[in-house]
Amino acid sequence: MALVTVSAIFLRWLPVHGLPILLLFAVSAGAAAAIYFTQRRRYRASFRGIARENVDADITAVLWTAFAGVALGGLGIGVVLAA
């Protein structure tokens, strides 16, 4: 939900910073969509792990989320400095 809110804020900045903001919007909306659409699979895996008393960490999801955060930070700094 936080990434959806951030996406809306990016759209609010569109008149001020121009079209590069659409790249930020695309990254944050894409990350939000990926999290939303994989939520059922992650919950199912957690449920199975709890049932067998051995929950495995989803390292791939953590790395992709971290990558999206770093990308948003870098792109955001780039857009603000370019304006």
PDB file of N, CA and C in Angstrom:
ATOM      1  N   MET A   1       0.814  -1.183   0.000  1.00  0.00           N
ATOM      2  CA  MET A   1       0.000   0.000   0.000  1.00  0.00           C
ATOM      3  C   MET A   1       0.874   1.269   0.000  1.00  0.00           C
ATOM      4  N   ALA A   2       2.023   1.173   0.646  1.00  0.00           N
ATOM      5  CA  ALA A   2       2.915   2.331   0.690  1.00  0.00           C
ATOM      6  C   ALA A   2       3.440   2.674  -0.701  1.00  0.00           C
ATOM      7  N   LEU A   3       3.759   1.667  -1.497  1.00  0.00           N
ATOM      8  CA  LEU A   3       4.261   1.936  -2.845  1.00  0.00           C
ATOM      9  C   LEU A   3       3.176   2.526  -3.744  1.00  0.00           C
ATOM     10  N   VAL A   4       1.940   2.170  -3.524  1.00  0.00           N
ATOM     11  CA  VAL A   4       0.838   2.776  -4.288  1.00  0.00           C
ATOM     12  C   VAL A   4       0.716   4.252  -3.919  1.00  0.00           C
ATOM     13  N   THR A   5       0.864   4.560  -2.638  1.00  0.00           N
ATOM     14  CA  THR A   5       0.823   5.959  -2.190  1.00  0.00           C
ATOM     15  C   THR A   5       1.984   6.744  -2.784  1.00  0.00           C
ATOM     16  N   VAL A   6       3.161   6.144  -2.782  1.00  0.00           N
ATOM     17  CA  VAL A   6       4.336   6.805  -3.378  1.00  0.00           C
ATOM     18  C   VAL A   6       4.106   7.050  -4.864  1.00  0.00           C
ATOM     19  N   SER A   7       3.489   6.104  -5.548  1.00  0.00           N
ATOM     20  CA  SER A   7       3.193   6.280  -6.973  1.00  0.00           C
ATOM     21  C   SER A   7       2.289   7.483  -7.199  1.00  0.00           C
ATOM     22  N   ALA A   8       1.297   7.643  -6.341  1.00  0.00           N
ATOM     23  CA  ALA A   8       0.398   8.798  -6.458  1.00  0.00           C
ATOM     24  C   ALA A   8       1.142  10.104  -6.195  1.00  0.00           C
ATOM     25  N   ILE A   9       2.052  10.083  -5.239  1.00  0.00           N
ATOM     26  CA  ILE A   9       2.845  11.291  -4.964  1.00  0.00           C
ATOM     27  C   ILE A   9       3.726  11.631  -6.160  1.00  0.00           C
ATOM     28  N   PHE A  10       4.295  10.619  -6.793  1.00  0.00           N
ATOM     29  CA  PHE A  10       5.105  10.875  -7.981  1.00  0.00           C
ATOM     30  C   PHE A  10       4.277  11.533  -9.079  1.00  0.00           C
ATOM     31  N   LEU A  11       3.059  11.077  -9.265  1.00  0.00           N
ATOM     32  CA  LEU A  11       2.197  11.702 -10.272  1.00  0.00           C
ATOM     33  C   LEU A  11       1.892  13.150  -9.910  1.00  0.00           C
ATOM     34  N   ARG A  12       1.831  13.444  -8.628  1.00  0.00           N
ATOM     35  CA  ARG A  12       1.601  14.824  -8.178  1.00  0.00           C
ATOM     36  C   ARG A  12       2.786  15.714  -8.552  1.00  0.00           C
ATOM     37  N   TRP A  13       3.983  15.134  -8.602  1.00  0.00           N
ATOM     38  CA  TRP A  13       5.188  15.893  -8.947  1.00  0.00           C
ATOM     39  C   TRP A  13       5.375  16.047 -10.455  1.00  0.00           C
ATOM     40  N   LEU A  14       4.560  15.417 -11.256  1.00  0.00           N
ATOM     41  CA  LEU A  14       4.723  15.440 -12.705  1.00  0.00           C
ATOM     42  C   LEU A  14       4.774  16.850 -13.287  1.00  0.00           C
ATOM     43  N   PRO A  15       3.875  17.769 -12.895  1.00  0.00           N
ATOM     44  CA  PRO A  15       3.956  19.124 -13.476  1.00  0.00           C
ATOM     45  C   PRO A  15       5.234  19.883 -13.097  1.00  0.00           C
ATOM     46  N   VAL A  16       5.803  19.561 -11.942  1.00  0.00           N
ATOM     47  CA  VAL A  16       6.987  20.283 -11.472  1.00  0.00           C
ATOM     48  C   VAL A  16       8.271  19.750 -12.102  1.00  0.00           C
ATOM     49  N   HIS A  17       8.419  18.408 -12.148  1.00  0.00           N
ATOM     50  CA  HIS A  17       9.677  17.811 -12.581  1.00  0.00           C
ATOM     51  C   HIS A  17       9.632  17.225 -13.993  1.00  0.00           C
ATOM     52  N   GLY A  18       8.483  17.166 -14.595  1.00  0.00           N
ATOM     53  CA  GLY A  18       8.386  16.716 -15.984  1.00  0.00           C
ATOM     54  C   GLY A  18       8.308  15.204 -16.150  1.00  0.00           C
ATOM     55  N   LEU A  19       8.546  14.772 -17.371  1.00  0.00           N
ATOM     56  CA  LEU A  19       8.365  13.372 -17.749  1.00  0.00           C
ATOM     57  C   LEU A  19       9.286  12.363 -17.063  1.00  0.00           C
ATOM     58  N   PRO A  20      10.472  12.724 -16.576  1.00  0.00           N
ATOM     59  CA  PRO A  20      11.284  11.719 -15.873  1.00  0.00           C
ATOM     60  C   PRO A  20      10.584  11.126 -14.648  1.00  0.00           C
ATOM     61  N   ILE A  21       9.614  11.826 -14.116  1.00  0.00           N
ATOM     62  CA  ILE A  21       8.854  11.315 -12.971  1.00  0.00           C
ATOM     63  C   ILE A  21       8.094  10.050 -13.358  1.00  0.00           C
ATOM     64  N   LEU A  22       7.749   9.916 -14.638  1.00  0.00           N
ATOM     65  CA  LEU A  22       7.020   8.719 -15.070  1.00  0.00           C
ATOM     66  C   LEU A  22       7.858   7.453 -14.881  1.00  0.00           C
ATOM     67  N   LEU A  23       9.173   7.574 -14.955  1.00  0.00           N
ATOM     68  CA  LEU A  23      10.040   6.425 -14.692  1.00  0.00           C
ATOM     69  C   LEU A  23       9.950   6.016 -13.218  1.00  0.00           C
ATOM     70  N   LEU A  24       9.948   7.001 -12.326  1.00  0.00           N
ATOM     71  CA  LEU A  24       9.763   6.709 -10.905  1.00  0.00           C
ATOM     72  C   LEU A  24       8.404   6.070 -10.651  1.00  0.00           C
ATOM     73  N   PHE A  25       7.384   6.610 -11.304  1.00  0.00           N
ATOM     74  CA  PHE A  25       6.041   6.056 -11.164  1.00  0.00           C
ATOM     75  C   PHE A  25       6.007   4.602 -11.640  1.00  0.00           C
ATOM     76  N   ALA A  26       6.654   4.326 -12.769  1.00  0.00           N
ATOM     77  CA  ALA A  26       6.655   2.968 -13.319  1.00  0.00           C
ATOM     78  C   ALA A  26       7.357   1.987 -12.385  1.00  0.00           C
ATOM     79  N   VAL A  27       8.476   2.384 -11.805  1.00  0.00           N
ATOM     80  CA  VAL A  27       9.205   1.494 -10.896  1.00  0.00           C
ATOM     81  C   VAL A  27       8.386   1.225  -9.642  1.00  0.00           C
ATOM     82  N   SER A  28       7.823   2.270  -9.038  1.00  0.00           N
ATOM     83  CA  SER A  28       7.064   2.071  -7.800  1.00  0.00           C
ATOM     84  C   SER A  28       5.750   1.328  -8.058  1.00  0.00           C
ATOM     85  N   ALA A  29       5.066   1.637  -9.144  1.00  0.00           N
ATOM     86  CA  ALA A  29       3.825   0.918  -9.463  1.00  0.00           C
ATOM     87  C   ALA A  29       4.118  -0.532  -9.824  1.00  0.00           C
ATOM     88  N   GLY A  30       5.212  -0.767 -10.530  1.00  0.00           N
ATOM     89  CA  GLY A  30       5.600  -2.140 -10.862  1.00  0.00           C
ATOM     90  C   GLY A  30       5.950  -2.955  -9.626  1.00  0.00           C
ATOM     91  N   ALA A  31       6.675  -2.352  -8.699  1.00  0.00           N
ATOM     92  CA  ALA A  31       7.008  -3.047  -7.450  1.00  0.00           C
ATOM     93  C   ALA A  31       5.748  -3.333  -6.638  1.00  0.00           C
ATOM     94  N   ALA A  32       4.846  -2.360  -6.581  1.00  0.00           N
ATOM     95  CA  ALA A  32       3.589  -2.566  -5.850  1.00  0.00           C
ATOM     96  C   ALA A  32       2.771  -3.688  -6.485  1.00  0.00           C
ATOM     97  N   ALA A  33       2.707  -3.722  -7.797  1.00  0.00           N
ATOM     98  CA  ALA A  33       1.960  -4.771  -8.490  1.00  0.00           C
ATOM     99  C   ALA A  33       2.597  -6.140  -8.266  1.00  0.00           C
ATOM    100  N   ALA A  34       3.917  -6.198  -8.316  1.00  0.00           N
ATOM    101  CA  ALA A  34       4.603  -7.471  -8.088  1.00  0.00           C
ATOM    102  C   ALA A  34       4.345  -7.991  -6.682  1.00  0.00           C
ATOM    103  N   ILE A  35       4.384  -7.113  -5.713  1.00  0.00           N
ATOM    104  CA  ILE A  35       4.107  -7.518  -4.334  1.00  0.00           C
ATOM    105  C   ILE A  35       2.668  -8.001  -4.208  1.00  0.00           C
ATOM    106  N   TYR A  36       1.747  -7.273  -4.794  1.00  0.00           N
ATOM    107  CA  TYR A  36       0.327  -7.639  -4.698  1.00  0.00           C
ATOM    108  C   TYR A  36       0.037  -8.978  -5.365  1.00  0.00           C
ATOM    109  N   PHE A  37       0.571  -9.189  -6.560  1.00  0.00           N
ATOM    110  CA  PHE A  37       0.250 -10.398  -7.313  1.00  0.00           C
ATOM    111  C   PHE A  37       0.972 -11.647  -6.801  1.00  0.00           C
ATOM    112  N   THR A  38       2.032 -11.475  -6.026  1.00  0.00           N
ATOM    113  CA  THR A  38       2.719 -12.642  -5.461  1.00  0.00           C
ATOM    114  C   THR A  38       2.357 -12.872  -3.996  1.00  0.00           C
ATOM    115  N   GLN A  39       1.459 -12.071  -3.482  1.00  0.00           N
ATOM    116  CA  GLN A  39       1.091 -12.163  -2.075  1.00  0.00           C
ATOM    117  C   GLN A  39       0.499 -13.525  -1.718  1.00  0.00           C
ATOM    118  N   ARG A  40      -0.387 -14.050  -2.519  1.00  0.00           N
ATOM    119  CA  ARG A  40      -1.022 -15.336  -2.224  1.00  0.00           C
ATOM    120  C   ARG A  40       0.016 -16.463  -2.164  1.00  0.00           C
ATOM    121  N   ARG A  41       0.961 -16.459  -3.099  1.00  0.00           N
ATOM    122  CA  ARG A  41       2.007 -17.482  -3.105  1.00  0.00           C
ATOM    123  C   ARG A  41       2.869 -17.395  -1.849  1.00  0.00           C
ATOM    124  N   ARG A  42       3.224 -16.168  -1.460  1.00  0.00           N
ATOM    125  CA  ARG A  42       4.043 -15.998  -0.262  1.00  0.00           C
ATOM    126  C   ARG A  42       3.301 -16.408   1.001  1.00  0.00           C
ATOM    127  N   TYR A  43       2.008 -16.081   1.095  1.00  0.00           N
ATOM    128  CA  TYR A  43       1.215 -16.485   2.261  1.00  0.00           C
ATOM    129  C   TYR A  43       1.079 -17.999   2.318  1.00  0.00           C
ATOM    130  N   ARG A  44       0.879 -18.622   1.160  1.00  0.00           N
ATOM    131  CA  ARG A  44       0.756 -20.080   1.112  1.00  0.00           C
ATOM    132  C   ARG A  44       2.062 -20.738   1.567  1.00  0.00           C
ATOM    133  N   ALA A  45       3.185 -20.211   1.120  1.00  0.00           N
ATOM    134  CA  ALA A  45       4.481 -20.760   1.532  1.00  0.00           C
ATOM    135  C   ALA A  45       4.698 -20.565   3.033  1.00  0.00           C
ATOM    136  N   SER A  46       4.292 -19.426   3.562  1.00  0.00           N
ATOM    137  CA  SER A  46       4.418 -19.188   5.001  1.00  0.00           C
ATOM    138  C   SER A  46       3.523 -20.133   5.787  1.00  0.00           C
ATOM    139  N   PHE A  47       2.314 -20.346   5.288  1.00  0.00           N
ATOM    140  CA  PHE A  47       1.383 -21.257   5.957  1.00  0.00           C
ATOM    141  C   PHE A  47       1.973 -22.670   6.020  1.00  0.00           C
ATOM    142  N   ARG A  48       2.516 -23.120   4.912  1.00  0.00           N
ATOM    143  CA  ARG A  48       3.130 -24.463   4.884  1.00  0.00           C
ATOM    144  C   ARG A  48       4.333 -24.535   5.824  1.00  0.00           C
ATOM    145  N   GLY A  49       5.124 -23.470   5.844  1.00  0.00           N
ATOM    146  CA  GLY A  49       6.284 -23.448   6.733  1.00  0.00           C
ATOM    147  C   GLY A  49       5.890 -23.467   8.197  1.00  0.00           C
ATOM    148  N   ILE A  50       4.845 -22.739   8.541  1.00  0.00           N
ATOM    149  CA  ILE A  50       4.371 -22.738   9.923  1.00  0.00           C
ATOM    150  C   ILE A  50       3.823 -24.118  10.280  1.00  0.00           C
ATOM    151  N   ALA A  51       3.119 -24.749   9.349  1.00  0.00           N
ATOM    152  CA  ALA A  51       2.539 -26.070   9.611  1.00  0.00           C
ATOM    153  C   ALA A  51       3.627 -27.121   9.855  1.00  0.00           C
ATOM    154  N   ARG A  52       4.744 -27.007   9.153  1.00  0.00           N
ATOM    155  CA  ARG A  52       5.819 -27.989   9.352  1.00  0.00           C
ATOM    156  C   ARG A  52       6.876 -27.473  10.328  1.00  0.00           C
ATOM    157  N   GLU A  53       6.614 -26.294  10.913  1.00  0.00           N
ATOM    158  CA  GLU A  53       7.488 -25.665  11.912  1.00  0.00           C
ATOM    159  C   GLU A  53       8.890 -25.388  11.380  1.00  0.00           C
ATOM    160  N   ASN A  54       8.942 -24.952  10.123  1.00  0.00           N
ATOM    161  CA  ASN A  54      10.214 -24.612   9.496  1.00  0.00           C
ATOM    162  C   ASN A  54       9.936 -23.615   8.367  1.00  0.00           C
ATOM    163  N   VAL A  55       9.975 -22.335   8.682  1.00  0.00           N
ATOM    164  CA  VAL A  55       9.669 -21.294   7.706  1.00  0.00           C
ATOM    165  C   VAL A  55      10.965 -20.836   7.053  1.00  0.00           C
ATOM    166  N   ASP A  56      11.000 -20.904   5.738  1.00  0.00           N
ATOM    167  CA  ASP A  56      12.173 -20.461   4.988  1.00  0.00           C
ATOM    168  C   ASP A  56      12.010 -18.998   4.582  1.00  0.00           C
ATOM    169  N   ALA A  57      13.100 -18.260   4.612  1.00  0.00           N
ATOM    170  CA  ALA A  57      13.076 -16.867   4.186  1.00  0.00           C
ATOM    171  C   ALA A  57      12.976 -16.803   2.664  1.00  0.00           C
ATOM    172  N   ASP A  58      12.210 -15.849   2.177  1.00  0.00           N
ATOM    173  CA  ASP A  58      12.078 -15.642   0.733  1.00  0.00           C
ATOM    174  C   ASP A  58      13.117 -14.602   0.308  1.00  0.00           C
ATOM    175  N   ILE A  59      14.327 -15.066   0.086  1.00  0.00           N
ATOM    176  CA  ILE A  59      15.446 -14.165  -0.200  1.00  0.00           C
ATOM    177  C   ILE A  59      15.232 -13.419  -1.513  1.00  0.00           C
ATOM    178  N   THR A  60      14.641 -14.071  -2.480  1.00  0.00           N
ATOM    179  CA  THR A  60      14.395 -13.428  -3.775  1.00  0.00           C
ATOM    180  C   THR A  60      13.491 -12.211  -3.617  1.00  0.00           C
ATOM    181  N   ALA A  61      12.430 -12.347  -2.852  1.00  0.00           N
ATOM    182  CA  ALA A  61      11.508 -11.226  -2.639  1.00  0.00           C
ATOM    183  C   ALA A  61      12.201 -10.078  -1.911  1.00  0.00           C
ATOM    184  N   VAL A  62      13.020 -10.403  -0.944  1.00  0.00           N
ATOM    185  CA  VAL A  62      13.745  -9.365  -0.205  1.00  0.00           C
ATOM    186  C   VAL A  62      14.710  -8.629  -1.125  1.00  0.00           C
ATOM    187  N   LEU A  63      15.431  -9.371  -1.962  1.00  0.00           N
ATOM    188  CA  LEU A  63      16.396  -8.738  -2.863  1.00  0.00           C
ATOM    189  C   LEU A  63      15.697  -7.865  -3.909  1.00  0.00           C
ATOM    190  N   TRP A  64      14.585  -8.337  -4.473  1.00  0.00           N
ATOM    191  CA  TRP A  64      13.856  -7.527  -5.458  1.00  0.00           C
ATOM    192  C   TRP A  64      13.284  -6.263  -4.829  1.00  0.00           C
ATOM    193  N   THR A  65      12.779  -6.371  -3.597  1.00  0.00           N
ATOM    194  CA  THR A  65      12.257  -5.193  -2.906  1.00  0.00           C
ATOM    195  C   THR A  65      13.379  -4.212  -2.600  1.00  0.00           C
ATOM    196  N   ALA A  66      14.527  -4.727  -2.174  1.00  0.00           N
ATOM    197  CA  ALA A  66      15.677  -3.857  -1.918  1.00  0.00           C
ATOM    198  C   ALA A  66      16.143  -3.181  -3.198  1.00  0.00           C
ATOM    199  N   PHE A  67      16.188  -3.937  -4.299  1.00  0.00           N
ATOM    200  CA  PHE A  67      16.574  -3.363  -5.581  1.00  0.00           C
ATOM    201  C   PHE A  67      15.613  -2.253  -5.990  1.00  0.00           C
ATOM    202  N   ALA A  68      14.306  -2.466  -5.804  1.00  0.00           N
ATOM    203  CA  ALA A  68      13.317  -1.439  -6.150  1.00  0.00           C
ATOM    204  C   ALA A  68      13.512  -0.193  -5.291  1.00  0.00           C
ATOM    205  N   GLY A  69      13.802  -0.381  -4.011  1.00  0.00           N
ATOM    206  CA  GLY A  69      14.043   0.763  -3.132  1.00  0.00           C
ATOM    207  C   GLY A  69      15.279   1.556  -3.524  1.00  0.00           C
ATOM    208  N   VAL A  70      16.349   0.851  -3.834  1.00  0.00           N
ATOM    209  CA  VAL A  70      17.590   1.519  -4.255  1.00  0.00           C
ATOM    210  C   VAL A  70      17.381   2.225  -5.594  1.00  0.00           C
ATOM    211  N   ALA A  71      16.672   1.571  -6.503  1.00  0.00           N
ATOM    212  CA  ALA A  71      16.388   2.189  -7.813  1.00  0.00           C
ATOM    213  C   ALA A  71      15.544   3.442  -7.650  1.00  0.00           C
ATOM    214  N   LEU A  72      14.534   3.385  -6.800  1.00  0.00           N
ATOM    215  CA  LEU A  72      13.702   4.569  -6.567  1.00  0.00           C
ATOM    216  C   LEU A  72      14.517   5.707  -5.954  1.00  0.00           C
ATOM    217  N   GLY A  73      15.375   5.368  -5.003  1.00  0.00           N
ATOM    218  CA  GLY A  73      16.213   6.388  -4.380  1.00  0.00           C
ATOM    219  C   GLY A  73      17.158   7.035  -5.385  1.00  0.00           C
ATOM    220  N   GLY A  74      17.838   6.202  -6.164  1.00  0.00           N
ATOM    221  CA  GLY A  74      18.769   6.742  -7.166  1.00  0.00           C
ATOM    222  C   GLY A  74      18.073   7.560  -8.233  1.00  0.00           C
ATOM    223  N   LEU A  75      16.962   7.046  -8.732  1.00  0.00           N
ATOM    224  CA  LEU A  75      16.213   7.797  -9.760  1.00  0.00           C
ATOM    225  C   LEU A  75      15.651   9.092  -9.195  1.00  0.00           C
ATOM    226  N   GLY A  76      15.176   9.036  -7.955  1.00  0.00           N
ATOM    227  CA  GLY A  76      14.634  10.244  -7.326  1.00  0.00           C
ATOM    228  C   GLY A  76      15.689  11.324  -7.176  1.00  0.00           C
ATOM    229  N   ILE A  77      16.863  10.941  -6.720  1.00  0.00           N
ATOM    230  CA  ILE A  77      17.949  11.909  -6.594  1.00  0.00           C
ATOM    231  C   ILE A  77      18.317  12.468  -7.963  1.00  0.00           C
ATOM    232  N   GLY A  78      18.387  11.595  -8.956  1.00  0.00           N
ATOM    233  CA  GLY A  78      18.703  12.052 -10.305  1.00  0.00           C
ATOM    234  C   GLY A  78      17.686  13.043 -10.854  1.00  0.00           C
ATOM    235  N   VAL A  79      16.408  12.765 -10.642  1.00  0.00           N
ATOM    236  CA  VAL A  79      15.350  13.656 -11.152  1.00  0.00           C
ATOM    237  C   VAL A  79      15.396  15.008 -10.452  1.00  0.00           C
ATOM    238  N   VAL A  80      15.575  15.001  -9.139  1.00  0.00           N
ATOM    239  CA  VAL A  80      15.612  16.265  -8.387  1.00  0.00           C
ATOM    240  C   VAL A  80      16.841  17.085  -8.773  1.00  0.00           C
ATOM    241  N   LEU A  81      17.993  16.435  -8.926  1.00  0.00           N
ATOM    242  CA  LEU A  81      19.189  17.182  -9.297  1.00  0.00           C
ATOM    243  C   LEU A  81      19.148  17.694 -10.724  1.00  0.00           C
ATOM    244  N   ALA A  82      18.446  16.982 -11.598  1.00  0.00           N
ATOM    245  CA  ALA A  82      18.350  17.398 -13.001  1.00  0.00           C
ATOM    246  C   ALA A  82      17.417  18.597 -13.179  1.00  0.00           C
ATOM    247  N   ALA A  83      16.497  18.785 -12.236  1.00  0.00           N
ATOM    248  CA  ALA A  83      15.521  19.885 -12.393  1.00  0.00           C
ATOM    249  C   ALA A  83      16.086  21.224 -12.023  1.00  0.00           C
TER     250      ALA A  83
END
